[in-house]
Amino acid sequence: MSTAKWMTILWPAFLAAGVLEVLVFGLIDPNDLHWQDAALPLSRQGVYTLAFVVFWLVAAASSAMTAVLGMSAEDVNR
């Protein structure tokens, strides 16, 4: 894939991850999160960073799937 194609996938995913970060952590305090009845071993900033990366990966996967589904059969089979 070309650089332009990657940017059309990653840039909207980055923006969507930013919006999700604001929405989720506007309602949830990272210090209140627990995993298996134990507090997370990450700082507040660490939780923000990890969540952003996860949100970005999920949104990028969605954008990539949309790009693949929008390709013609000839382009897919190259």
N, C-alpha and C. Protein backbone atom coordinates (compact mmCIF):
# COMPACT_ATOMS: atom_id res chain seq x y z
N MET A 1 0.84 -1.19 0.00
CA MET A 1 0.00 0.00 0.00
C MET A 1 0.88 1.25 0.00
N SER A 2 0.37 2.27 -0.63
CA SER A 2 1.13 3.51 -0.70
C SER A 2 1.03 4.30 0.61
N THR A 3 1.92 5.26 0.76
CA THR A 3 1.91 6.11 1.94
C THR A 3 0.61 6.89 2.05
N ALA A 4 0.12 7.35 0.91
CA ALA A 4 -1.15 8.10 0.91
C ALA A 4 -2.30 7.23 1.40
N LYS A 5 -2.30 5.97 1.01
CA LYS A 5 -3.36 5.05 1.44
C LYS A 5 -3.28 4.83 2.96
N TRP A 6 -2.04 4.66 3.47
CA TRP A 6 -1.88 4.48 4.92
C TRP A 6 -2.37 5.71 5.68
N MET A 7 -2.07 6.89 5.13
CA MET A 7 -2.48 8.12 5.81
C MET A 7 -4.01 8.27 5.81
N THR A 8 -4.68 7.79 4.75
CA THR A 8 -6.14 7.87 4.74
C THR A 8 -6.75 6.89 5.73
N ILE A 9 -5.98 5.92 6.16
CA ILE A 9 -6.44 4.99 7.19
C ILE A 9 -6.07 5.49 8.59
N LEU A 10 -4.82 5.89 8.77
CA LEU A 10 -4.33 6.21 10.12
C LEU A 10 -4.77 7.58 10.64
N TRP A 11 -4.87 8.58 9.77
CA TRP A 11 -5.24 9.92 10.25
C TRP A 11 -6.66 9.97 10.81
N PRO A 12 -7.69 9.47 10.09
CA PRO A 12 -9.02 9.47 10.69
C PRO A 12 -9.09 8.61 11.96
N ALA A 13 -8.32 7.52 11.98
CA ALA A 13 -8.28 6.67 13.17
C ALA A 13 -7.68 7.43 14.36
N PHE A 14 -6.65 8.22 14.10
CA PHE A 14 -6.04 9.04 15.14
C PHE A 14 -7.05 10.04 15.71
N LEU A 15 -7.77 10.69 14.82
CA LEU A 15 -8.78 11.66 15.27
C LEU A 15 -9.90 10.98 16.07
N ALA A 16 -10.34 9.82 15.59
CA ALA A 16 -11.38 9.07 16.30
C ALA A 16 -10.89 8.64 17.68
N ALA A 17 -9.63 8.20 17.78
CA ALA A 17 -9.06 7.80 19.07
C ALA A 17 -9.02 8.99 20.03
N GLY A 18 -8.70 10.17 19.52
CA GLY A 18 -8.70 11.36 20.37
C GLY A 18 -10.08 11.68 20.90
N VAL A 19 -11.08 11.57 20.05
CA VAL A 19 -12.46 11.82 20.48
C VAL A 19 -12.89 10.77 21.51
N LEU A 20 -12.59 9.51 21.26
CA LEU A 20 -12.93 8.45 22.22
C LEU A 20 -12.24 8.67 23.56
N GLU A 21 -10.99 9.09 23.51
CA GLU A 21 -10.24 9.35 24.75
C GLU A 21 -10.95 10.42 25.59
N VAL A 22 -11.36 11.50 24.94
CA VAL A 22 -12.05 12.58 25.65
C VAL A 22 -13.39 12.09 26.20
N LEU A 23 -14.14 11.36 25.40
CA LEU A 23 -15.45 10.88 25.85
C LEU A 23 -15.34 9.88 27.01
N VAL A 24 -14.44 8.91 26.87
CA VAL A 24 -14.32 7.88 27.90
C VAL A 24 -13.78 8.46 29.20
N PHE A 25 -12.69 9.21 29.12
CA PHE A 25 -12.06 9.69 30.35
C PHE A 25 -12.68 10.98 30.86
N GLY A 26 -13.66 11.50 30.15
CA GLY A 26 -14.49 12.56 30.70
C GLY A 26 -15.49 11.99 31.71
N LEU A 27 -15.73 10.68 31.60
CA LEU A 27 -16.69 10.01 32.49
C LEU A 27 -16.02 9.09 33.50
N ILE A 28 -14.82 8.61 33.20
CA ILE A 28 -14.16 7.61 34.04
C ILE A 28 -12.81 8.15 34.52
N ASP A 29 -12.55 8.00 35.79
CA ASP A 29 -11.24 8.36 36.35
C ASP A 29 -10.33 7.14 36.26
N PRO A 30 -9.17 7.24 35.64
CA PRO A 30 -8.28 6.09 35.51
C PRO A 30 -7.89 5.46 36.85
N ASN A 31 -7.87 6.24 37.92
CA ASN A 31 -7.52 5.67 39.22
C ASN A 31 -8.62 4.78 39.78
N ASP A 32 -9.82 4.86 39.22
CA ASP A 32 -10.93 4.02 39.67
C ASP A 32 -10.99 2.68 38.93
N LEU A 33 -10.14 2.48 37.94
CA LEU A 33 -10.14 1.25 37.16
C LEU A 33 -9.41 0.14 37.92
N HIS A 34 -9.96 -1.07 37.84
CA HIS A 34 -9.37 -2.24 38.49
C HIS A 34 -9.35 -3.40 37.52
N TRP A 35 -8.35 -4.28 37.67
CA TRP A 35 -8.25 -5.48 36.86
C TRP A 35 -8.13 -6.66 37.81
N GLN A 36 -9.11 -7.55 37.79
CA GLN A 36 -9.17 -8.72 38.68
C GLN A 36 -9.05 -8.30 40.14
N ASP A 37 -9.88 -7.38 40.54
CA ASP A 37 -9.98 -6.87 41.92
C ASP A 37 -8.70 -6.21 42.44
N ALA A 38 -7.82 -5.79 41.55
CA ALA A 38 -6.60 -5.08 41.96
C ALA A 38 -6.49 -3.81 41.13
N ALA A 39 -5.94 -2.78 41.76
CA ALA A 39 -5.75 -1.52 41.05
C ALA A 39 -4.75 -1.72 39.91
N LEU A 40 -4.92 -0.99 38.85
CA LEU A 40 -4.00 -1.09 37.73
C LEU A 40 -2.61 -0.60 38.15
N PRO A 41 -1.56 -1.28 37.69
CA PRO A 41 -0.20 -0.88 38.09
C PRO A 41 0.36 0.25 37.23
N LEU A 42 -0.51 1.03 36.62
CA LEU A 42 -0.10 2.13 35.76
C LEU A 42 -0.48 3.46 36.39
N SER A 43 0.28 4.47 36.05
CA SER A 43 -0.10 5.82 36.48
C SER A 43 -1.30 6.28 35.66
N ARG A 44 -1.87 7.39 36.06
CA ARG A 44 -3.00 7.95 35.32
C ARG A 44 -2.59 8.21 33.86
N GLN A 45 -1.41 8.79 33.66
CA GLN A 45 -0.93 9.06 32.31
C GLN A 45 -0.70 7.76 31.53
N GLY A 46 -0.24 6.73 32.20
CA GLY A 46 -0.05 5.44 31.56
C GLY A 46 -1.36 4.85 31.07
N VAL A 47 -2.41 4.99 31.86
CA VAL A 47 -3.73 4.50 31.45
C VAL A 47 -4.22 5.30 30.25
N TYR A 48 -4.05 6.61 30.28
CA TYR A 48 -4.45 7.44 29.14
C TYR A 48 -3.72 7.00 27.87
N THR A 49 -2.42 6.76 27.99
CA THR A 49 -1.61 6.38 26.83
C THR A 49 -2.01 5.02 26.29
N LEU A 50 -2.14 4.05 27.17
CA LEU A 50 -2.52 2.70 26.75
C LEU A 50 -3.91 2.71 26.12
N ALA A 51 -4.84 3.41 26.71
CA ALA A 51 -6.20 3.49 26.16
C ALA A 51 -6.18 4.16 24.78
N PHE A 52 -5.41 5.22 24.63
CA PHE A 52 -5.34 5.89 23.34
C PHE A 52 -4.81 4.95 22.27
N VAL A 53 -3.76 4.20 22.58
CA VAL A 53 -3.19 3.27 21.60
C VAL A 53 -4.21 2.20 21.23
N VAL A 54 -4.92 1.67 22.21
CA VAL A 54 -5.95 0.66 21.92
C VAL A 54 -7.06 1.26 21.07
N PHE A 55 -7.54 2.45 21.43
CA PHE A 55 -8.57 3.11 20.63
C PHE A 55 -8.08 3.34 19.21
N TRP A 56 -6.83 3.76 19.05
CA TRP A 56 -6.27 4.04 17.74
C TRP A 56 -6.19 2.75 16.90
N LEU A 57 -5.74 1.66 17.51
CA LEU A 57 -5.65 0.39 16.79
C LEU A 57 -7.01 -0.12 16.34
N VAL A 58 -8.01 -0.01 17.20
CA VAL A 58 -9.36 -0.45 16.83
C VAL A 58 -9.92 0.41 15.71
N ALA A 59 -9.76 1.71 15.81
CA ALA A 59 -10.25 2.60 14.76
C ALA A 59 -9.48 2.39 13.46
N ALA A 60 -8.18 2.14 13.53
CA ALA A 60 -7.38 1.88 12.33
C ALA A 60 -7.81 0.58 11.67
N ALA A 61 -8.11 -0.44 12.46
CA ALA A 61 -8.59 -1.70 11.90
C ALA A 61 -9.92 -1.49 11.19
N SER A 62 -10.78 -0.68 11.77
CA SER A 62 -12.05 -0.37 11.14
C SER A 62 -11.85 0.39 9.83
N SER A 63 -10.97 1.38 9.84
CA SER A 63 -10.68 2.15 8.62
C SER A 63 -10.04 1.27 7.55
N ALA A 64 -9.15 0.40 7.95
CA ALA A 64 -8.49 -0.50 6.99
C ALA A 64 -9.50 -1.46 6.37
N MET A 65 -10.41 -1.96 7.17
CA MET A 65 -11.44 -2.86 6.65
C MET A 65 -12.33 -2.12 5.65
N THR A 66 -12.65 -0.87 5.94
CA THR A 66 -13.44 -0.07 5.01
C THR A 66 -12.67 0.13 3.71
N ALA A 67 -11.36 0.40 3.80
CA ALA A 67 -10.54 0.58 2.60
C ALA A 67 -10.49 -0.70 1.77
N VAL A 68 -10.34 -1.84 2.42
CA VAL A 68 -10.29 -3.12 1.70
C VAL A 68 -11.63 -3.42 1.05
N LEU A 69 -12.71 -3.20 1.77
CA LEU A 69 -14.03 -3.48 1.21
C LEU A 69 -14.39 -2.54 0.07
N GLY A 70 -13.76 -1.36 0.03
CA GLY A 70 -14.02 -0.42 -1.05
C GLY A 70 -13.18 -0.65 -2.29
N MET A 71 -12.26 -1.61 -2.24
CA MET A 71 -11.39 -1.91 -3.38
C MET A 71 -12.12 -2.79 -4.38
N SER A 72 -11.74 -2.66 -5.64
CA SER A 72 -12.32 -3.53 -6.67
C SER A 72 -11.67 -4.91 -6.56
N ALA A 73 -12.30 -5.90 -7.18
CA ALA A 73 -11.78 -7.26 -7.15
C ALA A 73 -10.40 -7.34 -7.80
N GLU A 74 -10.18 -6.54 -8.85
CA GLU A 74 -8.89 -6.55 -9.52
C GLU A 74 -7.79 -6.04 -8.60
N ASP A 75 -8.10 -4.98 -7.83
CA ASP A 75 -7.11 -4.43 -6.90
C ASP A 75 -6.79 -5.39 -5.78
N VAL A 76 -7.79 -6.10 -5.29
CA VAL A 76 -7.58 -7.06 -4.19
C VAL A 76 -6.73 -8.24 -4.66
N ASN A 77 -6.93 -8.68 -5.89
CA ASN A 77 -6.25 -9.88 -6.39
C ASN A 77 -4.88 -9.60 -7.00
N ARG A 78 -4.37 -8.41 -6.90
CA ARG A 78 -3.02 -8.10 -7.42
C ARG A 78 -1.95 -8.70 -6.58
